[in-house]
Amino acid sequence: LQEILDTEPNTKCERALATWKEIGPLNLQQIIEESHLDFNEQYEIKEIDRTNAKWHGWSLNGEKHGFGRSIWKDDGGIFEGILENGNWAEKGYGRYIYPAGFENKYYIGEFKKSKKHGKGILYKTDGTV
């Protein structure tokens, strides 16, 4: 898990990569505390290439499951967090780093079905939170 967190994302979006370098890797302990994953399950670390995004992270039975990083192919946006059975978690935790063209810089907190939902912090490009 720490290897995934520490590896620089391979994104075509210079702004997203610069933001990732600025804010640094996610806090491993925070991911563990915020998730509801069974850490006794036998996860594999895989790269799964789909039409719209590339996943590098845990998998279970060949599907994206657990912690990992998705990089969107069209704009280079970066998600790091929890997915379940190949889908966005009903209740997940992570961060999304926005690509160029958005007024938002990044969000860290709770997600529900790919949407910011629950407790979280949204950082904007103008420095406001």
C-alpha atoms as a PDB file:
ATOM      1  CA  LEU A   1       0.000   0.000   0.000  1.00  0.00           C
ATOM      2  CA  GLN A   2       2.718   2.487   0.883  1.00  0.00           C
ATOM      3  CA  GLU A   3       4.392   1.772  -2.465  1.00  0.00           C
ATOM      4  CA  ILE A   4       1.276   2.905  -4.319  1.00  0.00           C
ATOM      5  CA  LEU A   5       0.980   6.012  -2.157  1.00  0.00           C
ATOM      6  CA  ASP A   6       4.613   7.028  -2.674  1.00  0.00           C
ATOM      7  CA  THR A   7       4.873   6.372  -6.422  1.00  0.00           C
ATOM      8  CA  GLU A   8       4.544   9.482  -8.560  1.00  0.00           C
ATOM      9  CA  PRO A   9       1.419   9.253 -10.725  1.00  0.00           C
ATOM     10  CA  ASN A  10       1.919   8.783 -14.456  1.00  0.00           C
ATOM     11  CA  THR A  11      -0.471  11.458 -15.693  1.00  0.00           C
ATOM     12  CA  LYS A  12      -0.368  13.584 -18.832  1.00  0.00           C
ATOM     13  CA  CYS A  13      -1.708  16.560 -16.869  1.00  0.00           C
ATOM     14  CA  GLU A  14       1.152  18.729 -15.608  1.00  0.00           C
ATOM     15  CA  ARG A  15      -1.106  20.651 -13.213  1.00  0.00           C
ATOM     16  CA  ALA A  16      -2.417  17.487 -11.540  1.00  0.00           C
ATOM     17  CA  LEU A  17       1.124  16.134 -11.180  1.00  0.00           C
ATOM     18  CA  ALA A  18       2.389  19.442  -9.755  1.00  0.00           C
ATOM     19  CA  THR A  19      -0.468  19.446  -7.219  1.00  0.00           C
ATOM     20  CA  TRP A  20       0.310  15.834  -6.239  1.00  0.00           C
ATOM     21  CA  LYS A  21       3.964  16.751  -5.660  1.00  0.00           C
ATOM     22  CA  GLU A  22       2.940  19.824  -3.648  1.00  0.00           C
ATOM     23  CA  ILE A  23       0.559  18.020  -1.285  1.00  0.00           C
ATOM     24  CA  GLY A  24       2.489  14.733  -1.104  1.00  0.00           C
ATOM     25  CA  PRO A  25       1.235  11.176  -0.637  1.00  0.00           C
ATOM     26  CA  LEU A  26      -1.930  10.360   1.300  1.00  0.00           C
ATOM     27  CA  ASN A  27      -1.530   9.448   4.942  1.00  0.00           C
ATOM     28  CA  LEU A  28      -1.534   5.635   5.167  1.00  0.00           C
ATOM     29  CA  GLN A  29      -2.874   5.565   8.723  1.00  0.00           C
ATOM     30  CA  GLN A  30      -5.751   7.865   7.756  1.00  0.00           C
ATOM     31  CA  ILE A  31      -6.708   5.581   4.848  1.00  0.00           C
ATOM     32  CA  ILE A  32      -6.796   2.573   7.173  1.00  0.00           C
ATOM     33  CA  GLU A  33      -8.852   4.388   9.806  1.00  0.00           C
ATOM     34  CA  GLU A  34     -11.353   5.827   7.305  1.00  0.00           C
ATOM     35  CA  SER A  35     -11.897   2.644   5.303  1.00  0.00           C
ATOM     36  CA  HIS A  36     -14.134  -0.268   6.161  1.00  0.00           C
ATOM     37  CA  LEU A  37     -12.060  -2.818   4.245  1.00  0.00           C
ATOM     38  CA  ASP A  38     -11.289  -6.257   5.573  1.00  0.00           C
ATOM     39  CA  PHE A  39      -7.501  -6.171   5.738  1.00  0.00           C
ATOM     40  CA  ASN A  40      -7.473  -9.971   6.152  1.00  0.00           C
ATOM     41  CA  GLU A  41      -8.678 -10.500   2.563  1.00  0.00           C
ATOM     42  CA  GLN A  42      -6.093 -11.608   0.006  1.00  0.00           C
ATOM     43  CA  TYR A  43      -5.578  -8.609  -2.237  1.00  0.00           C
ATOM     44  CA  GLU A  44      -3.315  -8.493  -5.258  1.00  0.00           C
ATOM     45  CA  ILE A  45      -1.667  -5.319  -6.515  1.00  0.00           C
ATOM     46  CA  LYS A  46      -2.488  -4.938 -10.199  1.00  0.00           C
ATOM     47  CA  GLU A  47      -2.705  -2.457 -13.017  1.00  0.00           C
ATOM     48  CA  ILE A  48      -6.107  -2.610 -14.669  1.00  0.00           C
ATOM     49  CA  ASP A  49      -6.495  -0.648 -17.888  1.00  0.00           C
ATOM     50  CA  ARG A  50     -10.062   0.342 -18.718  1.00  0.00           C
ATOM     51  CA  THR A  51     -11.472   2.570 -21.451  1.00  0.00           C
ATOM     52  CA  ASN A  52     -11.605   5.764 -19.412  1.00  0.00           C
ATOM     53  CA  ALA A  53      -9.027   5.244 -16.646  1.00  0.00           C
ATOM     54  CA  LYS A  54      -6.035   3.212 -15.545  1.00  0.00           C
ATOM     55  CA  TRP A  55      -6.103   1.698 -12.037  1.00  0.00           C
ATOM     56  CA  HIS A  56      -3.008   0.809 -10.040  1.00  0.00           C
ATOM     57  CA  GLY A  57      -3.917  -0.745  -6.744  1.00  0.00           C
ATOM     58  CA  TRP A  58      -5.492  -3.591  -4.922  1.00  0.00           C
ATOM     59  CA  SER A  59      -7.690  -6.062  -6.727  1.00  0.00           C
ATOM     60  CA  LEU A  60      -9.829  -8.975  -5.649  1.00  0.00           C
ATOM     61  CA  ASN A  61     -11.068 -11.606  -8.113  1.00  0.00           C
ATOM     62  CA  GLY A  62      -9.734  -9.520 -11.016  1.00  0.00           C
ATOM     63  CA  GLU A  63     -11.682  -6.371 -10.133  1.00  0.00           C
ATOM     64  CA  LYS A  64     -10.529  -3.061  -8.671  1.00  0.00           C
ATOM     65  CA  HIS A  65     -11.156  -3.520  -4.966  1.00  0.00           C
ATOM     66  CA  GLY A  66      -9.610  -1.738  -2.029  1.00  0.00           C
ATOM     67  CA  PHE A  67      -7.090   1.047  -2.181  1.00  0.00           C
ATOM     68  CA  GLY A  68      -5.518   2.345  -5.332  1.00  0.00           C
ATOM     69  CA  ARG A  69      -5.075   5.157  -7.789  1.00  0.00           C
ATOM     70  CA  SER A  70      -7.054   5.874 -10.951  1.00  0.00           C
ATOM     71  CA  ILE A  71      -5.766   8.259 -13.590  1.00  0.00           C
ATOM     72  CA  TRP A  72      -8.323   9.453 -16.117  1.00  0.00           C
ATOM     73  CA  LYS A  73      -7.120   9.102 -19.687  1.00  0.00           C
ATOM     74  CA  ASP A  74      -9.010  12.068 -21.131  1.00  0.00           C
ATOM     75  CA  ASP A  75      -7.865  14.847 -18.793  1.00  0.00           C
ATOM     76  CA  GLY A  76      -5.280  13.340 -16.407  1.00  0.00           C
ATOM     77  CA  GLY A  77      -7.290  13.811 -13.201  1.00  0.00           C
ATOM     78  CA  ILE A  78      -6.108  11.631 -10.313  1.00  0.00           C
ATOM     79  CA  PHE A  79      -8.206   9.735  -7.749  1.00  0.00           C
ATOM     80  CA  GLU A  80      -6.522   7.985  -4.831  1.00  0.00           C
ATOM     81  CA  GLY A  81      -8.747   6.084  -2.468  1.00  0.00           C
ATOM     82  CA  ILE A  82     -11.100   3.146  -1.995  1.00  0.00           C
ATOM     83  CA  LEU A  83     -13.096   1.265  -4.664  1.00  0.00           C
ATOM     84  CA  GLU A  84     -15.231  -1.831  -4.078  1.00  0.00           C
ATOM     85  CA  ASN A  85     -15.738  -4.640  -6.590  1.00  0.00           C
ATOM     86  CA  GLY A  86     -14.695  -2.429  -9.480  1.00  0.00           C
ATOM     87  CA  ASN A  87     -17.070   0.360  -8.517  1.00  0.00           C
ATOM     88  CA  TRP A  88     -17.023   3.513  -6.503  1.00  0.00           C
ATOM     89  CA  ALA A  89     -17.557   2.596  -2.887  1.00  0.00           C
ATOM     90  CA  GLU A  90     -20.942   3.229  -1.340  1.00  0.00           C
ATOM     91  CA  LYS A  91     -18.967   4.987   1.345  1.00  0.00           C
ATOM     92  CA  GLY A  92     -15.363   5.656   0.480  1.00  0.00           C
ATOM     93  CA  TYR A  93     -12.481   7.869   1.427  1.00  0.00           C
ATOM     94  CA  GLY A  94      -9.786   9.415  -0.703  1.00  0.00           C
ATOM     95  CA  ARG A  95      -8.812  12.428  -2.706  1.00  0.00           C
ATOM     96  CA  TYR A  96      -9.330  13.724  -6.198  1.00  0.00           C
ATOM     97  CA  ILE A  97      -6.763  15.996  -7.813  1.00  0.00           C
ATOM     98  CA  TYR A  98      -8.384  18.116 -10.494  1.00  0.00           C
ATOM     99  CA  PRO A  99      -6.753  18.593 -13.907  1.00  0.00           C
ATOM    100  CA  ALA A 100      -6.225  21.959 -15.618  1.00  0.00           C
ATOM    101  CA  GLY A 101      -9.372  23.888 -16.448  1.00  0.00           C
ATOM    102  CA  PHE A 102     -11.104  23.529 -13.074  1.00  0.00           C
ATOM    103  CA  GLU A 103     -11.362  26.150 -10.328  1.00  0.00           C
ATOM    104  CA  ASN A 104     -10.919  23.348  -7.789  1.00  0.00           C
ATOM    105  CA  LYS A 105      -7.402  22.143  -6.998  1.00  0.00           C
ATOM    106  CA  TYR A 106      -8.129  19.011  -4.943  1.00  0.00           C
ATOM    107  CA  TYR A 107     -10.601  17.431  -2.565  1.00  0.00           C
ATOM    108  CA  ILE A 108      -9.808  15.083   0.290  1.00  0.00           C
ATOM    109  CA  GLY A 109     -12.503  13.352   2.289  1.00  0.00           C
ATOM    110  CA  GLU A 110     -15.500  11.093   1.975  1.00  0.00           C
ATOM    111  CA  PHE A 111     -17.035   9.971  -1.317  1.00  0.00           C
ATOM    112  CA  LYS A 112     -20.232   8.200  -2.192  1.00  0.00           C
ATOM    113  CA  LYS A 113     -20.598   6.727  -5.683  1.00  0.00           C
ATOM    114  CA  SER A 114     -17.926   9.006  -7.228  1.00  0.00           C
ATOM    115  CA  LYS A 115     -19.298  12.198  -5.657  1.00  0.00           C
ATOM    116  CA  LYS A 116     -17.938  14.267  -2.804  1.00  0.00           C
ATOM    117  CA  HIS A 117     -20.229  13.298   0.051  1.00  0.00           C
ATOM    118  CA  GLY A 118     -19.873  13.692   3.801  1.00  0.00           C
ATOM    119  CA  LYS A 119     -16.876  15.149   5.599  1.00  0.00           C
ATOM    120  CA  GLY A 120     -14.157  16.586   3.406  1.00  0.00           C
ATOM    121  CA  ILE A 121     -12.123  19.612   2.425  1.00  0.00           C
ATOM    122  CA  LEU A 122     -12.170  21.207  -1.035  1.00  0.00           C
ATOM    123  CA  TYR A 123      -9.116  23.272  -1.940  1.00  0.00           C
ATOM    124  CA  LYS A 124      -9.516  25.827  -4.750  1.00  0.00           C
ATOM    125  CA  THR A 125      -6.868  27.183  -7.109  1.00  0.00           C
ATOM    126  CA  ASP A 126      -7.236  30.697  -5.633  1.00  0.00           C
ATOM    127  CA  GLY A 127      -6.125  29.376  -2.224  1.00  0.00           C
ATOM    128  CA  THR A 128      -9.534  29.305  -0.571  1.00  0.00           C
ATOM    129  CA  VAL A 129     -10.748  26.230   1.273  1.00  0.00           C
END
